[in-house]
Amino acid sequence: MKTVKRGYRFTDKNNSSGGIVSSILGAISLCLVVVGVVISYKENGNAGLAVGAIGSIAFILNCIGMIIGLRSFKERDKFYLFSWIGVIANGIMWIMMCVIIAGGLMM
């Protein structure tokens, strides 16, 4: 008969609140970028001001999410998994947005 192994946690640590917020902002900005790309694709690249506004909002959310994520590492006695996820996701999205903006300026 197979026994079920249950994990026990002998600590009172929680996830850092800044890390959770940073991860949520990264997910929101990813959704905004996907929506912008889909709209631009459907309009054959002539989406206009709406997609530019969506991209700008995503870029601002990436910056805010990265700052909050980096500050969340200063919280004491917390788990930092969501902090790492948020910082990495916002960093990748920030770089991607910079490439998209630079490509748009080159045209």
Protein backbone atom coordinates (compact mmCIF):
# COMPACT_ATOMS: atom_id res chain seq x y z
CA MET A 1 0.00 0.00 0.00
CA LYS A 2 1.35 3.39 -1.02
CA THR A 3 1.54 6.09 1.62
CA VAL A 4 0.98 9.73 0.86
CA LYS A 5 3.83 11.97 1.88
CA ARG A 6 2.68 15.31 3.21
CA GLY A 7 4.97 18.30 3.38
CA TYR A 8 5.32 20.18 6.62
CA ARG A 9 6.45 23.72 6.94
CA PHE A 10 8.21 24.66 10.15
CA THR A 11 8.43 28.36 9.52
CA ASP A 12 6.18 31.38 9.67
CA LYS A 13 7.60 32.96 6.52
CA ASN A 14 5.25 34.22 3.84
CA ASN A 15 5.80 35.37 0.28
CA SER A 16 6.86 38.98 -0.03
CA SER A 17 3.98 41.26 -0.89
CA GLY A 18 6.14 43.32 -3.25
CA GLY A 19 7.10 40.19 -5.14
CA ILE A 20 3.47 39.22 -5.61
CA VAL A 21 2.60 42.72 -6.86
CA SER A 22 5.60 42.66 -9.19
CA SER A 23 4.55 39.30 -10.65
CA ILE A 24 0.98 40.54 -11.16
CA LEU A 25 2.22 43.68 -12.93
CA GLY A 26 4.43 41.54 -15.15
CA ALA A 27 1.47 39.35 -16.10
CA ILE A 28 -0.72 42.38 -16.82
CA SER A 29 1.95 43.96 -19.02
CA LEU A 30 2.43 40.68 -20.88
CA CYS A 31 -1.32 40.54 -21.57
CA LEU A 32 -1.26 44.15 -22.78
CA VAL A 33 1.62 43.46 -25.16
CA VAL A 34 -0.13 40.39 -26.55
CA VAL A 35 -3.34 42.40 -27.07
CA GLY A 36 -1.34 45.14 -28.81
CA VAL A 37 0.41 42.68 -31.11
CA VAL A 38 -2.87 40.97 -32.01
CA ILE A 39 -4.56 44.30 -32.79
CA SER A 40 -1.58 45.42 -34.85
CA TYR A 41 -1.55 42.12 -36.74
CA LYS A 42 -5.26 42.37 -37.54
CA GLU A 43 -4.79 45.94 -38.80
CA ASN A 44 -1.77 44.92 -40.95
CA GLY A 45 0.60 47.10 -38.92
CA ASN A 46 -1.51 50.24 -39.10
CA ALA A 47 -3.09 50.08 -35.65
CA GLY A 48 -2.44 53.68 -34.72
CA LEU A 49 -2.62 55.49 -31.43
CA ALA A 50 -4.52 52.81 -29.49
CA VAL A 51 -1.73 50.26 -29.77
CA GLY A 52 0.85 52.92 -28.95
CA ALA A 53 -1.04 53.76 -25.79
CA ILE A 54 -1.31 50.09 -24.83
CA GLY A 55 2.43 49.67 -25.38
CA SER A 56 3.24 52.76 -23.34
CA ILE A 57 1.10 51.55 -20.46
CA ALA A 58 2.80 48.14 -20.62
CA PHE A 59 6.23 49.82 -20.58
CA ILE A 60 5.31 51.93 -17.54
CA LEU A 61 3.91 48.88 -15.73
CA ASN A 62 7.17 47.02 -16.47
CA CYS A 63 9.22 49.82 -14.93
CA ILE A 64 7.00 50.00 -11.85
CA GLY A 65 6.94 46.20 -11.49
CA MET A 66 10.72 45.96 -11.71
CA ILE A 67 11.20 48.67 -9.07
CA ILE A 68 8.68 47.04 -6.71
CA GLY A 69 10.24 43.62 -7.30
CA LEU A 70 13.75 44.85 -6.56
CA ARG A 71 12.57 46.62 -3.41
CA SER A 72 10.81 43.48 -2.24
CA PHE A 73 14.17 41.78 -1.69
CA LYS A 74 14.67 44.09 1.30
CA GLU A 75 11.72 42.56 3.16
CA ARG A 76 12.96 40.43 6.06
CA ASP A 77 12.02 36.78 6.69
CA LYS A 78 10.10 36.29 3.46
CA PHE A 79 10.14 33.85 0.61
CA TYR A 80 11.49 35.54 -2.53
CA LEU A 81 10.13 33.24 -5.25
CA PHE A 82 7.58 35.78 -6.51
CA SER A 83 10.18 38.53 -6.25
CA TRP A 84 12.46 36.61 -8.62
CA ILE A 85 9.59 35.77 -10.97
CA GLY A 86 8.45 39.40 -11.03
CA VAL A 87 11.89 40.90 -11.58
CA ILE A 88 12.81 38.43 -14.34
CA ALA A 89 9.45 38.72 -16.11
CA ASN A 90 9.43 42.52 -15.94
CA GLY A 91 13.07 42.66 -17.03
CA ILE A 92 12.46 40.50 -20.09
CA MET A 93 9.34 42.47 -20.98
CA TRP A 94 11.20 45.77 -20.48
CA ILE A 95 13.97 44.69 -22.85
CA MET A 96 11.39 43.46 -25.37
CA MET A 97 9.54 46.79 -25.20
CA CYS A 98 12.80 48.70 -25.67
CA VAL A 99 13.52 46.64 -28.80
CA ILE A 100 10.00 47.31 -30.13
CA ILE A 101 10.31 51.05 -29.44
CA ALA A 102 13.79 51.20 -31.03
CA GLY A 103 12.49 49.31 -34.08
CA GLY A 104 9.64 51.76 -34.39
CA LEU A 105 12.00 54.74 -34.20
CA MET A 106 14.28 53.26 -36.86
CA MET A 107 11.46 53.09 -39.42
